[in-house]
Amino acid sequence: MSDAAVDDPEESESESAILRVSNLEKRFGGIVAVDSASFEIERGSMTGLIGPNGAGKSTTFDLITGVYRADAGRVIFEGEDVTDLRPQQLVDRGLVRTFQISRELSGMTVLENMLLAFQGQLGESLWRTVTPGVRRSLVAQERELLERTWETLELFEIEHLAHEDAANLSGGQRKLLELARALLTDPKMLLLDEPMASVNPTLEKNLLDRIHELRSQGYTFLLVEHDMDVIMNNCETVIVMHQGQVLSQGTPAEIQGDERVVDAYLGGEV
C-alpha cells in the first residue's frame, strides 16, 4: 500500500489503467475541496473511494465527469486528456456516472426513461420521420432499441416495472433504473455515487449482483460509498481521501490495517 498517490499519469503509464487522475485541484472561494489528488483505476476493476464528509470524494467525481472544471491537474481516460470535456462528451467516450440522488424523470414510465439513454436516434429529426427510406430505417432502429431495452430491464430484474411511472419506484428500484439506463449508453467505465443509499437489503444484493455480473464482462467501476461493508467486501482496491487529498490506497485488508484510516475515518472498526 502506498501513502502517496501517482504524481504524473504519463510517468507511470500502464496499459491496465483505464483512468488516471493527476494532481487534480478544485477551490470554491477560499475552500480547497480537492488538493492535488492523484490515483489510477485499473481496467475491469471495482474500486472504492471513501473518506469522511467533506473529504472531497463527490467533488472529485464531479471533476472527473465534467460537472465541474478543475482549477489544475488532469484527467486521462483511455489515454486521452479529457480534463475539460463536458459531461455529454465524456458519456460519448464511455465515461458515465450515476448520482447519489437518482435522476429519473417523473411523469414518464420506466421504459420511457430507459429509451432516453440512447443518443442520436433517427426519430429525433422531424424530416427523417417523413422520408420513406429513412422511415424504414427508423422503424428498424426502434425495434432494435426496444429489444435491447427489454433485455437490460430483464438483466436488472425490473422488467415488471416497465410501464410504471418512474416516480412511483422505491429508492432501491430507482437505483436499479439509473444503473440500467447508464448501461444503455455503452459505457466503458461507470462511476457510482452512493449506489446503496436508500436501498433495502434485498435490492442491495440485487444491485451488487448486477454490478459484479457487469464487471465480469469487462466493465470498470469506481464507487463512492459510505457503507464500509459494501466497499470492503466488493472492491479490490480502496482509495481513502482526507481534506481533498489521497491519504492512502490499497487492498481492503491493507486499508483495514492502516491505523490512520481506522482511527480517523472508520471509527476504530470496519
C-alpha atoms as a PDB file:
ATOM      1  CA  MET A   1       0.000   0.000   0.000  1.00  0.00           C
ATOM      2  CA  SER A   2       1.306   3.433  -0.894  1.00  0.00           C
ATOM      3  CA  ASP A   3       0.825   6.564   1.182  1.00  0.00           C
ATOM      4  CA  ALA A   4       1.455   8.800  -1.813  1.00  0.00           C
ATOM      5  CA  ALA A   5      -0.569   8.774  -4.991  1.00  0.00           C
ATOM      6  CA  VAL A   6       0.625   8.742  -8.570  1.00  0.00           C
ATOM      7  CA  ASP A   7       2.384  12.019  -9.358  1.00  0.00           C
ATOM      8  CA  ASP A   8       2.028  12.015 -13.143  1.00  0.00           C
ATOM      9  CA  PRO A   9      -0.053   9.552 -15.148  1.00  0.00           C
ATOM     10  CA  GLU A  10       2.318   9.768 -18.109  1.00  0.00           C
ATOM     11  CA  GLU A  11       5.328   8.890 -15.965  1.00  0.00           C
ATOM     12  CA  SER A  12       3.693   5.717 -14.639  1.00  0.00           C
ATOM     13  CA  GLU A  13       1.543   4.891 -17.644  1.00  0.00           C
ATOM     14  CA  SER A  14       0.201   1.378 -17.552  1.00  0.00           C
ATOM     15  CA  GLU A  15      -1.873  -0.325 -20.207  1.00  0.00           C
ATOM     16  CA  SER A  16      -4.003  -1.819 -17.443  1.00  0.00           C
ATOM     17  CA  ALA A  17      -5.121   1.632 -16.178  1.00  0.00           C
ATOM     18  CA  ILE A  18      -8.281   2.944 -17.817  1.00  0.00           C
ATOM     19  CA  LEU A  19      -8.426   6.184 -15.773  1.00  0.00           C
ATOM     20  CA  ARG A  20      -5.585   8.347 -14.459  1.00  0.00           C
ATOM     21  CA  VAL A  21      -6.127  11.362 -12.243  1.00  0.00           C
ATOM     22  CA  SER A  22      -3.089  13.584 -11.806  1.00  0.00           C
ATOM     23  CA  ASN A  23      -2.721  16.439  -9.291  1.00  0.00           C
ATOM     24  CA  LEU A  24      -6.386  17.396  -9.531  1.00  0.00           C
ATOM     25  CA  GLU A  25      -7.351  20.615  -7.730  1.00  0.00           C
ATOM     26  CA  LYS A  26     -10.597  22.471  -7.112  1.00  0.00           C
ATOM     27  CA  ARG A  27     -11.298  25.501  -4.949  1.00  0.00           C
ATOM     28  CA  PHE A  28     -14.581  27.145  -4.045  1.00  0.00           C
ATOM     29  CA  GLY A  29     -13.619  30.594  -2.879  1.00  0.00           C
ATOM     30  CA  GLY A  30     -11.188  30.065  -0.007  1.00  0.00           C
ATOM     31  CA  ILE A  31     -12.149  26.410   0.455  1.00  0.00           C
ATOM     32  CA  VAL A  32      -9.865  23.784  -1.078  1.00  0.00           C
ATOM     33  CA  ALA A  33     -12.214  20.902  -1.959  1.00  0.00           C
ATOM     34  CA  VAL A  34      -9.685  18.800  -3.892  1.00  0.00           C
ATOM     35  CA  ASP A  35      -5.982  19.277  -3.282  1.00  0.00           C
ATOM     36  CA  SER A  36      -3.538  17.627  -5.714  1.00  0.00           C
ATOM     37  CA  ALA A  37      -5.445  14.331  -5.786  1.00  0.00           C
ATOM     38  CA  SER A  38      -3.834  11.614  -7.921  1.00  0.00           C
ATOM     39  CA  PHE A  39      -4.701   7.958  -8.497  1.00  0.00           C
ATOM     40  CA  GLU A  40      -5.175   5.311 -11.176  1.00  0.00           C
ATOM     41  CA  ILE A  41      -8.063   2.920 -11.787  1.00  0.00           C
ATOM     42  CA  GLU A  42      -7.298  -0.480 -13.289  1.00  0.00           C
ATOM     43  CA  ARG A  43      -9.314  -1.630 -16.270  1.00  0.00           C
ATOM     44  CA  GLY A  44     -12.023  -4.127 -15.334  1.00  0.00           C
ATOM     45  CA  SER A  45     -11.691  -3.460 -11.598  1.00  0.00           C
ATOM     46  CA  MET A  46     -14.069  -2.360  -8.862  1.00  0.00           C
ATOM     47  CA  THR A  47     -12.530   0.423  -6.783  1.00  0.00           C
ATOM     48  CA  GLY A  48     -13.980   2.125  -3.721  1.00  0.00           C
ATOM     49  CA  LEU A  49     -13.460   5.795  -2.883  1.00  0.00           C
ATOM     50  CA  ILE A  50     -14.006   6.534   0.812  1.00  0.00           C
ATOM     51  CA  GLY A  51     -13.421   9.244   3.399  1.00  0.00           C
ATOM     52  CA  PRO A  52     -15.353  11.383   5.877  1.00  0.00           C
ATOM     53  CA  ASN A  53     -17.862  14.019   4.825  1.00  0.00           C
ATOM     54  CA  GLY A  54     -16.007  16.914   3.234  1.00  0.00           C
ATOM     55  CA  ALA A  55     -13.068  14.765   2.181  1.00  0.00           C
ATOM     56  CA  GLY A  56     -13.553  15.734  -1.482  1.00  0.00           C
ATOM     57  CA  LYS A  57     -14.972  12.468  -2.832  1.00  0.00           C
ATOM     58  CA  SER A  58     -18.043  13.844  -4.588  1.00  0.00           C
ATOM     59  CA  THR A  59     -16.158  16.866  -5.901  1.00  0.00           C
ATOM     60  CA  THR A  60     -13.537  14.518  -7.338  1.00  0.00           C
ATOM     61  CA  PHE A  61     -16.355  12.616  -9.052  1.00  0.00           C
ATOM     62  CA  ASP A  62     -17.707  15.898 -10.401  1.00  0.00           C
ATOM     63  CA  LEU A  63     -14.288  16.884 -11.758  1.00  0.00           C
ATOM     64  CA  ILE A  64     -13.728  13.521 -13.434  1.00  0.00           C
ATOM     65  CA  THR A  65     -17.166  13.579 -15.083  1.00  0.00           C
ATOM     66  CA  GLY A  66     -17.121  17.198 -16.233  1.00  0.00           C
ATOM     67  CA  VAL A  67     -19.705  18.603 -13.816  1.00  0.00           C
ATOM     68  CA  TYR A  68     -17.033  20.988 -12.512  1.00  0.00           C
ATOM     69  CA  ARG A  69     -13.950  22.259 -14.309  1.00  0.00           C
ATOM     70  CA  ALA A  70     -10.686  21.618 -12.480  1.00  0.00           C
ATOM     71  CA  ASP A  71      -8.512  24.529 -11.403  1.00  0.00           C
ATOM     72  CA  ALA A  72      -5.443  22.398 -12.040  1.00  0.00           C
ATOM     73  CA  GLY A  73      -4.459  18.841 -12.845  1.00  0.00           C
ATOM     74  CA  ARG A  74      -5.533  16.361 -15.491  1.00  0.00           C
ATOM     75  CA  VAL A  75      -7.948  13.511 -16.073  1.00  0.00           C
ATOM     76  CA  ILE A  76      -6.758  10.906 -18.575  1.00  0.00           C
ATOM     77  CA  PHE A  77      -9.328   8.381 -19.806  1.00  0.00           C
ATOM     78  CA  GLU A  78      -8.320   5.632 -22.205  1.00  0.00           C
ATOM     79  CA  GLY A  79      -5.084   7.538 -22.902  1.00  0.00           C
ATOM     80  CA  GLU A  80      -6.914  10.769 -23.829  1.00  0.00           C
ATOM     81  CA  ASP A  81      -6.802  14.002 -21.842  1.00  0.00           C
ATOM     82  CA  VAL A  82     -10.484  14.613 -21.069  1.00  0.00           C
ATOM     83  CA  THR A  83      -9.981  17.203 -18.319  1.00  0.00           C
ATOM     84  CA  ASP A  84     -12.031  19.969 -19.924  1.00  0.00           C
ATOM     85  CA  LEU A  85     -14.698  17.922 -21.676  1.00  0.00           C
ATOM     86  CA  ARG A  86     -18.388  18.354 -20.847  1.00  0.00           C
ATOM     87  CA  PRO A  87     -20.428  15.509 -19.315  1.00  0.00           C
ATOM     88  CA  GLN A  88     -22.084  14.503 -22.588  1.00  0.00           C
ATOM     89  CA  GLN A  89     -18.733  14.411 -24.369  1.00  0.00           C
ATOM     90  CA  LEU A  90     -17.456  12.063 -21.680  1.00  0.00           C
ATOM     91  CA  VAL A  91     -20.537   9.856 -21.993  1.00  0.00           C
ATOM     92  CA  ASP A  92     -19.851   9.630 -25.726  1.00  0.00           C
ATOM     93  CA  ARG A  93     -16.366   8.327 -24.865  1.00  0.00           C
ATOM     94  CA  GLY A  94     -17.709   5.751 -22.412  1.00  0.00           C
ATOM     95  CA  LEU A  95     -17.178   7.506 -19.061  1.00  0.00           C
ATOM     96  CA  VAL A  96     -20.578   7.512 -17.332  1.00  0.00           C
ATOM     97  CA  ARG A  97     -21.760   8.297 -13.809  1.00  0.00           C
ATOM     98  CA  THR A  98     -24.795   7.842 -11.612  1.00  0.00           C
ATOM     99  CA  PHE A  99     -25.825  10.214  -8.829  1.00  0.00           C
ATOM    100  CA  GLN A 100     -26.404   9.904  -5.096  1.00  0.00           C
ATOM    101  CA  ILE A 101     -29.995  11.023  -5.666  1.00  0.00           C
ATOM    102  CA  SER A 102     -31.400   9.162  -8.655  1.00  0.00           C
ATOM    103  CA  ARG A 103     -32.445  11.435 -11.513  1.00  0.00           C
ATOM    104  CA  GLU A 104     -35.307   9.581 -13.125  1.00  0.00           C
ATOM    105  CA  LEU A 105     -37.917  11.652 -14.982  1.00  0.00           C
ATOM    106  CA  SER A 106     -41.254  11.541 -13.201  1.00  0.00           C
ATOM    107  CA  GLY A 107     -44.342  11.585 -15.393  1.00  0.00           C
ATOM    108  CA  MET A 108     -42.631   9.075 -17.661  1.00  0.00           C
ATOM    109  CA  THR A 109     -42.637   5.301 -17.385  1.00  0.00           C
ATOM    110  CA  VAL A 110     -39.589   3.217 -16.561  1.00  0.00           C
ATOM    111  CA  LEU A 111     -39.477   2.100 -20.202  1.00  0.00           C
ATOM    112  CA  GLU A 112     -39.594   5.699 -21.460  1.00  0.00           C
ATOM    113  CA  ASN A 113     -36.824   6.686 -19.037  1.00  0.00           C
ATOM    114  CA  MET A 114     -34.693   3.854 -20.386  1.00  0.00           C
ATOM    115  CA  LEU A 115     -35.223   4.816 -24.022  1.00  0.00           C
ATOM    116  CA  LEU A 116     -33.970   8.350 -23.312  1.00  0.00           C
ATOM    117  CA  ALA A 117     -30.490   6.917 -22.744  1.00  0.00           C
ATOM    118  CA  PHE A 118     -29.936   6.266 -26.434  1.00  0.00           C
ATOM    119  CA  GLN A 119     -28.169   9.049 -28.325  1.00  0.00           C
ATOM    120  CA  GLY A 120     -28.584  10.010 -31.993  1.00  0.00           C
ATOM    121  CA  GLN A 121     -31.902   8.266 -32.570  1.00  0.00           C
ATOM    122  CA  LEU A 122     -33.222   8.751 -36.092  1.00  0.00           C
ATOM    123  CA  GLY A 123     -36.629   9.772 -34.776  1.00  0.00           C
ATOM    124  CA  GLU A 124     -35.124  12.854 -33.113  1.00  0.00           C
ATOM    125  CA  SER A 125     -35.071  14.551 -36.535  1.00  0.00           C
ATOM    126  CA  LEU A 126     -38.516  15.523 -37.866  1.00  0.00           C
ATOM    127  CA  TRP A 127     -37.600  15.357 -41.554  1.00  0.00           C
ATOM    128  CA  ARG A 128     -36.326  11.825 -41.156  1.00  0.00           C
ATOM    129  CA  THR A 129     -39.685  10.623 -39.879  1.00  0.00           C
ATOM    130  CA  VAL A 130     -41.367  11.572 -43.181  1.00  0.00           C
ATOM    131  CA  THR A 131     -38.654  10.408 -45.592  1.00  0.00           C
ATOM    132  CA  PRO A 132     -39.695   6.936 -46.914  1.00  0.00           C
ATOM    133  CA  GLY A 133     -36.250   5.296 -46.984  1.00  0.00           C
ATOM    134  CA  VAL A 134     -35.232   6.766 -43.672  1.00  0.00           C
ATOM    135  CA  ARG A 135     -38.608   5.855 -42.203  1.00  0.00           C
ATOM    136  CA  ARG A 136     -37.861   2.164 -42.751  1.00  0.00           C
ATOM    137  CA  SER A 137     -34.501   2.573 -41.049  1.00  0.00           C
ATOM    138  CA  LEU A 138     -36.192   4.389 -38.184  1.00  0.00           C
ATOM    139  CA  VAL A 139     -38.633   1.515 -37.622  1.00  0.00           C
ATOM    140  CA  ALA A 140     -35.773  -0.996 -37.669  1.00  0.00           C
ATOM    141  CA  GLN A 141     -33.783   1.103 -35.199  1.00  0.00           C
ATOM    142  CA  GLU A 142     -36.756   1.477 -32.872  1.00  0.00           C
ATOM    143  CA  ARG A 143     -37.251  -2.291 -32.885  1.00  0.00           C
ATOM    144  CA  GLU A 144     -33.576  -2.846 -32.069  1.00  0.00           C
ATOM    145  CA  LEU A 145     -33.553  -0.254 -29.263  1.00  0.00           C
ATOM    146  CA  LEU A 146     -36.711  -1.688 -27.712  1.00  0.00           C
ATOM    147  CA  GLU A 147     -35.257  -5.198 -27.797  1.00  0.00           C
ATOM    148  CA  ARG A 148     -32.055  -4.015 -26.137  1.00  0.00           C
ATOM    149  CA  THR A 149     -34.009  -2.041 -23.542  1.00  0.00           C
ATOM    150  CA  TRP A 150     -36.123  -5.051 -22.566  1.00  0.00           C
ATOM    151  CA  GLU A 151     -33.017  -7.230 -22.306  1.00  0.00           C
ATOM    152  CA  THR A 152     -31.467  -4.678 -19.935  1.00  0.00           C
ATOM    153  CA  LEU A 153     -34.636  -4.419 -17.846  1.00  0.00           C
ATOM    154  CA  GLU A 154     -34.595  -8.208 -17.515  1.00  0.00           C
ATOM    155  CA  LEU A 155     -30.913  -8.164 -16.532  1.00  0.00           C
ATOM    156  CA  PHE A 156     -31.752  -5.831 -13.653  1.00  0.00           C
ATOM    157  CA  GLU A 157     -34.954  -7.743 -12.865  1.00  0.00           C
ATOM    158  CA  ILE A 158     -37.192  -4.688 -13.218  1.00  0.00           C
ATOM    159  CA  GLU A 159     -38.988  -5.642 -16.428  1.00  0.00           C
ATOM    160  CA  HIS A 160     -42.232  -5.960 -14.433  1.00  0.00           C
ATOM    161  CA  LEU A 161     -41.959  -2.211 -13.714  1.00  0.00           C
ATOM    162  CA  ALA A 162     -41.582  -1.182 -17.370  1.00  0.00           C
ATOM    163  CA  HIS A 163     -44.932   0.604 -17.583  1.00  0.00           C
ATOM    164  CA  GLU A 164     -44.848   2.017 -14.051  1.00  0.00           C
ATOM    165  CA  ASP A 165     -44.398   5.769 -13.578  1.00  0.00           C
ATOM    166  CA  ALA A 166     -40.757   6.162 -12.530  1.00  0.00           C
ATOM    167  CA  ALA A 167     -41.867   8.491  -9.733  1.00  0.00           C
ATOM    168  CA  ASN A 168     -43.614   5.554  -8.029  1.00  0.00           C
ATOM    169  CA  LEU A 169     -40.458   3.456  -7.663  1.00  0.00           C
ATOM    170  CA  SER A 170     -38.788   2.818  -4.316  1.00  0.00           C
ATOM    171  CA  GLY A 171     -35.310   4.185  -3.652  1.00  0.00           C
ATOM    172  CA  GLY A 172     -33.702   0.866  -4.493  1.00  0.00           C
ATOM    173  CA  GLN A 173     -35.713   0.431  -7.669  1.00  0.00           C
ATOM    174  CA  ARG A 174     -34.670   3.908  -8.773  1.00  0.00           C
ATOM    175  CA  LYS A 175     -31.010   2.983  -8.280  1.00  0.00           C
ATOM    176  CA  LEU A 176     -31.536  -0.122 -10.426  1.00  0.00           C
ATOM    177  CA  LEU A 177     -33.233   2.009 -13.085  1.00  0.00           C
ATOM    178  CA  GLU A 178     -30.422   4.558 -13.074  1.00  0.00           C
ATOM    179  CA  LEU A 179     -27.724   1.912 -13.441  1.00  0.00           C
ATOM    180  CA  ALA A 180     -29.717   0.092 -16.127  1.00  0.00           C
ATOM    181  CA  ARG A 181     -30.169   3.340 -18.033  1.00  0.00           C
ATOM    182  CA  ALA A 182     -26.464   4.132 -17.729  1.00  0.00           C
ATOM    183  CA  LEU A 183     -25.662   0.732 -19.221  1.00  0.00           C
ATOM    184  CA  LEU A 184     -27.580   1.632 -22.383  1.00  0.00           C
ATOM    185  CA  THR A 185     -25.061   4.416 -23.121  1.00  0.00           C
ATOM    186  CA  ASP A 186     -22.398   1.771 -23.899  1.00  0.00           C
ATOM    187  CA  PRO A 187     -20.048   2.755 -21.045  1.00  0.00           C
ATOM    188  CA  LYS A 188     -16.519   1.522 -20.556  1.00  0.00           C
ATOM    189  CA  MET A 189     -16.379   2.807 -17.003  1.00  0.00           C
ATOM    190  CA  LEU A 190     -19.141   3.598 -14.512  1.00  0.00           C
ATOM    191  CA  LEU A 191     -18.739   5.973 -11.566  1.00  0.00           C
ATOM    192  CA  LEU A 192     -21.390   5.241  -8.953  1.00  0.00           C
ATOM    193  CA  ASP A 193     -22.137   7.904  -6.334  1.00  0.00           C
ATOM    194  CA  GLU A 194     -23.613   6.286  -3.192  1.00  0.00           C
ATOM    195  CA  PRO A 195     -25.263   3.438  -5.143  1.00  0.00           C
ATOM    196  CA  MET A 196     -26.522   1.726  -1.969  1.00  0.00           C
ATOM    197  CA  ALA A 197     -28.079   4.786  -0.317  1.00  0.00           C
ATOM    198  CA  SER A 198     -31.791   4.254   0.470  1.00  0.00           C
ATOM    199  CA  VAL A 199     -31.613   0.673  -0.796  1.00  0.00           C
ATOM    200  CA  ASN A 200     -33.106  -2.161   1.264  1.00  0.00           C
ATOM    201  CA  PRO A 201     -31.016  -5.309   1.821  1.00  0.00           C
ATOM    202  CA  THR A 202     -32.832  -7.363  -0.841  1.00  0.00           C
ATOM    203  CA  LEU A 203     -32.417  -4.751  -3.566  1.00  0.00           C
ATOM    204  CA  GLU A 204     -28.856  -4.030  -2.388  1.00  0.00           C
ATOM    205  CA  LYS A 205     -27.959  -7.655  -3.063  1.00  0.00           C
ATOM    206  CA  ASN A 206     -29.680  -7.464  -6.448  1.00  0.00           C
ATOM    207  CA  LEU A 207     -27.772  -4.289  -7.333  1.00  0.00           C
ATOM    208  CA  LEU A 208     -24.439  -5.752  -6.230  1.00  0.00           C
ATOM    209  CA  ASP A 209     -25.126  -8.932  -8.190  1.00  0.00           C
ATOM    210  CA  ARG A 210     -25.758  -6.853 -11.304  1.00  0.00           C
ATOM    211  CA  ILE A 211     -22.552  -4.840 -10.743  1.00  0.00           C
ATOM    212  CA  HIS A 212     -20.466  -7.991 -10.335  1.00  0.00           C
ATOM    213  CA  GLU A 213     -22.039  -9.514 -13.423  1.00  0.00           C
ATOM    214  CA  LEU A 214     -21.163  -6.419 -15.445  1.00  0.00           C
ATOM    215  CA  ARG A 215     -17.632  -6.357 -14.046  1.00  0.00           C
ATOM    216  CA  SER A 216     -17.163  -9.960 -15.151  1.00  0.00           C
ATOM    217  CA  GLN A 217     -17.982  -8.721 -18.658  1.00  0.00           C
ATOM    218  CA  GLY A 218     -15.158  -6.185 -18.545  1.00  0.00           C
ATOM    219  CA  TYR A 219     -16.816  -3.038 -17.198  1.00  0.00           C
ATOM    220  CA  THR A 220     -14.835  -0.860 -14.763  1.00  0.00           C
ATOM    221  CA  PHE A 221     -16.412   0.617 -11.613  1.00  0.00           C
ATOM    222  CA  LEU A 222     -15.454   3.406  -9.220  1.00  0.00           C
ATOM    223  CA  LEU A 223     -17.767   3.701  -6.195  1.00  0.00           C
ATOM    224  CA  VAL A 224     -18.200   6.444  -3.643  1.00  0.00           C
ATOM    225  CA  GLU A 225     -19.949   4.671  -0.791  1.00  0.00           C
ATOM    226  CA  HIS A 226     -20.343   5.203   2.959  1.00  0.00           C
ATOM    227  CA  ASP A 227     -21.281   1.583   3.653  1.00  0.00           C
ATOM    228  CA  MET A 228     -17.916   0.104   4.618  1.00  0.00           C
ATOM    229  CA  ASP A 229     -19.192  -3.463   4.348  1.00  0.00           C
ATOM    230  CA  VAL A 230     -20.073  -2.848   0.704  1.00  0.00           C
ATOM    231  CA  ILE A 231     -16.640  -1.391  -0.003  1.00  0.00           C
ATOM    232  CA  MET A 232     -14.563  -3.918   1.923  1.00  0.00           C
ATOM    233  CA  ASN A 233     -16.469  -6.961   0.657  1.00  0.00           C
ATOM    234  CA  ASN A 234     -16.744  -5.997  -3.008  1.00  0.00           C
ATOM    235  CA  CYS A 235     -13.813  -3.806  -4.061  1.00  0.00           C
ATOM    236  CA  GLU A 236     -10.312  -4.998  -4.925  1.00  0.00           C
ATOM    237  CA  THR A 237      -8.832  -1.563  -4.295  1.00  0.00           C
ATOM    238  CA  VAL A 238      -9.826   1.182  -1.862  1.00  0.00           C
ATOM    239  CA  ILE A 239      -8.779   4.845  -2.136  1.00  0.00           C
ATOM    240  CA  VAL A 240      -9.029   6.947   1.030  1.00  0.00           C
ATOM    241  CA  MET A 241      -9.398  10.725   0.771  1.00  0.00           C
ATOM    242  CA  HIS A 242      -8.922  13.264   3.537  1.00  0.00           C
ATOM    243  CA  GLN A 243      -9.102  17.050   3.246  1.00  0.00           C
ATOM    244  CA  GLY A 244      -9.104  16.858  -0.529  1.00  0.00           C
ATOM    245  CA  GLN A 245      -6.025  14.653  -0.759  1.00  0.00           C
ATOM    246  CA  VAL A 246      -5.463  10.949  -1.334  1.00  0.00           C
ATOM    247  CA  LEU A 247      -4.356   9.697   2.060  1.00  0.00           C
ATOM    248  CA  SER A 248      -3.921   6.026   1.226  1.00  0.00           C
ATOM    249  CA  GLN A 249      -4.641   3.425  -1.422  1.00  0.00           C
ATOM    250  CA  GLY A 250      -4.525  -0.356  -1.221  1.00  0.00           C
ATOM    251  CA  THR A 251      -6.470  -3.571  -0.865  1.00  0.00           C
ATOM    252  CA  PRO A 252      -9.314  -3.725   1.668  1.00  0.00           C
ATOM    253  CA  ALA A 253      -7.043  -5.699   4.010  1.00  0.00           C
ATOM    254  CA  GLU A 254      -4.295  -3.081   3.737  1.00  0.00           C
ATOM    255  CA  ILE A 255      -6.746  -0.240   4.355  1.00  0.00           C
ATOM    256  CA  GLN A 256      -8.239  -2.025   7.365  1.00  0.00           C
ATOM    257  CA  GLY A 257      -4.727  -2.430   8.750  1.00  0.00           C
ATOM    258  CA  ASP A 258      -3.802   1.218   8.291  1.00  0.00           C
ATOM    259  CA  GLU A 259      -4.079   2.817  11.740  1.00  0.00           C
ATOM    260  CA  ARG A 260      -4.551   6.293  10.283  1.00  0.00           C
ATOM    261  CA  VAL A 261      -7.586   5.156   8.321  1.00  0.00           C
ATOM    262  CA  VAL A 262      -9.062   3.060  11.134  1.00  0.00           C
ATOM    263  CA  ASP A 263      -8.617   5.748  13.777  1.00  0.00           C
ATOM    264  CA  ALA A 264      -9.594   8.776  11.717  1.00  0.00           C
ATOM    265  CA  TYR A 265     -12.241   7.526   9.275  1.00  0.00           C
ATOM    266  CA  LEU A 266     -13.651   4.181  10.256  1.00  0.00           C
ATOM    267  CA  GLY A 267     -14.237   4.917  13.922  1.00  0.00           C
ATOM    268  CA  GLY A 268     -11.818   2.247  15.014  1.00  0.00           C
ATOM    269  CA  GLU A 269     -13.702  -0.627  13.396  1.00  0.00           C
ATOM    270  CA  VAL A 270     -14.522  -1.901   9.930  1.00  0.00           C
END
